Amino acid sequence: MENITIPVPPYIARAFEKADTSVKRKAEIYINAWLNDFFSGQPANEQLFSIMKKATAEAKANGLTSEKLDELLKDES
């Protein structure tokens, strides 16, 4: 990852600095997702569906069937 600097109002900067680590991380995730959506030219849901299609194709290519998936999910319960 790389860092960028974006000017924000002082109250946002203060709130971020005072926030605990988990809240800061959550804010970073939201901001990264929004920036990715903004600059990618492809909405986030389309990106997600694309990733899901690739994962499904890879799973099938590696021999994962619906039955095997059901069996794996039952083992996790």
Protein backbone atom coordinates (compact mmCIF):
# COMPACT_ATOMS: atom_id res chain seq x y z
CA MET A 1 0.00 0.00 0.00
CA GLU A 2 0.99 3.57 -0.54
CA ASN A 3 -0.08 6.64 1.39
CA ILE A 4 -1.72 9.77 0.01
CA THR A 5 -2.56 13.03 1.73
CA ILE A 6 -5.99 14.59 1.37
CA PRO A 7 -7.03 17.83 3.08
CA VAL A 8 -9.98 17.41 5.45
CA PRO A 9 -11.76 19.79 7.82
CA PRO A 10 -10.00 20.15 11.19
CA TYR A 11 -12.79 18.42 13.11
CA ILE A 12 -12.42 15.29 10.95
CA ALA A 13 -8.66 15.26 11.43
CA ARG A 14 -9.09 15.60 15.21
CA ALA A 15 -11.75 12.87 15.35
CA PHE A 16 -9.54 10.51 13.35
CA GLU A 17 -6.51 11.18 15.54
CA LYS A 18 -8.53 10.57 18.72
CA ALA A 19 -10.17 7.38 17.42
CA ASP A 20 -8.98 3.99 18.58
CA THR A 21 -7.14 1.68 16.20
CA SER A 22 -10.18 -0.38 15.19
CA VAL A 23 -12.20 2.72 14.29
CA LYS A 24 -9.27 4.10 12.27
CA ARG A 25 -8.96 0.80 10.43
CA LYS A 26 -12.68 0.77 9.67
CA ALA A 27 -12.46 4.33 8.30
CA GLU A 28 -9.47 3.37 6.14
CA ILE A 29 -11.38 0.39 4.71
CA TYR A 30 -14.38 2.56 3.85
CA ILE A 31 -12.22 5.29 2.30
CA ASN A 32 -10.19 2.77 0.29
CA ALA A 33 -13.38 1.13 -1.00
CA TRP A 34 -14.86 4.49 -1.98
CA LEU A 35 -11.66 5.64 -3.73
CA ASN A 36 -11.38 2.32 -5.53
CA ASP A 37 -14.97 2.64 -6.72
CA PHE A 38 -14.45 6.29 -7.70
CA PHE A 39 -11.27 5.75 -9.71
CA SER A 40 -11.78 2.26 -11.12
CA GLY A 41 -14.58 3.07 -13.54
CA GLN A 42 -16.29 -0.12 -12.36
CA PRO A 43 -18.78 -0.03 -9.46
CA ALA A 44 -17.84 -2.05 -6.38
CA ASN A 45 -20.68 -4.54 -6.86
CA GLU A 46 -19.46 -5.27 -10.40
CA GLN A 47 -15.94 -5.79 -9.05
CA LEU A 48 -17.31 -8.15 -6.40
CA PHE A 49 -19.28 -10.17 -8.95
CA SER A 50 -16.20 -10.38 -11.15
CA ILE A 51 -14.15 -11.73 -8.24
CA MET A 52 -16.90 -14.20 -7.38
CA LYS A 53 -17.05 -15.46 -10.98
CA LYS A 54 -13.27 -15.93 -11.04
CA ALA A 55 -13.34 -17.76 -7.69
CA THR A 56 -16.17 -20.02 -8.88
CA ALA A 57 -14.34 -20.85 -12.11
CA GLU A 58 -11.12 -21.58 -10.20
CA ALA A 59 -12.94 -23.77 -7.68
CA LYS A 60 -14.61 -25.76 -10.48
CA ALA A 61 -11.28 -26.10 -12.31
CA ASN A 62 -9.79 -27.51 -9.10
CA GLY A 63 -12.60 -30.05 -8.76
CA LEU A 64 -14.85 -28.40 -6.19
CA THR A 65 -18.42 -29.54 -6.70
CA SER A 66 -21.61 -28.41 -4.95
CA GLU A 67 -21.60 -31.69 -3.03
CA LYS A 68 -18.01 -31.21 -1.84
CA LEU A 69 -18.79 -27.63 -0.82
CA ASP A 70 -21.84 -28.76 1.17
CA GLU A 71 -19.70 -31.39 2.86
CA LEU A 72 -17.01 -28.83 3.75
CA LEU A 73 -19.60 -26.42 5.14
CA LYS A 74 -21.15 -29.15 7.27
CA ASP A 75 -17.72 -29.97 8.73
CA GLU A 76 -17.34 -26.34 9.86
CA SER A 77 -20.63 -26.35 11.82
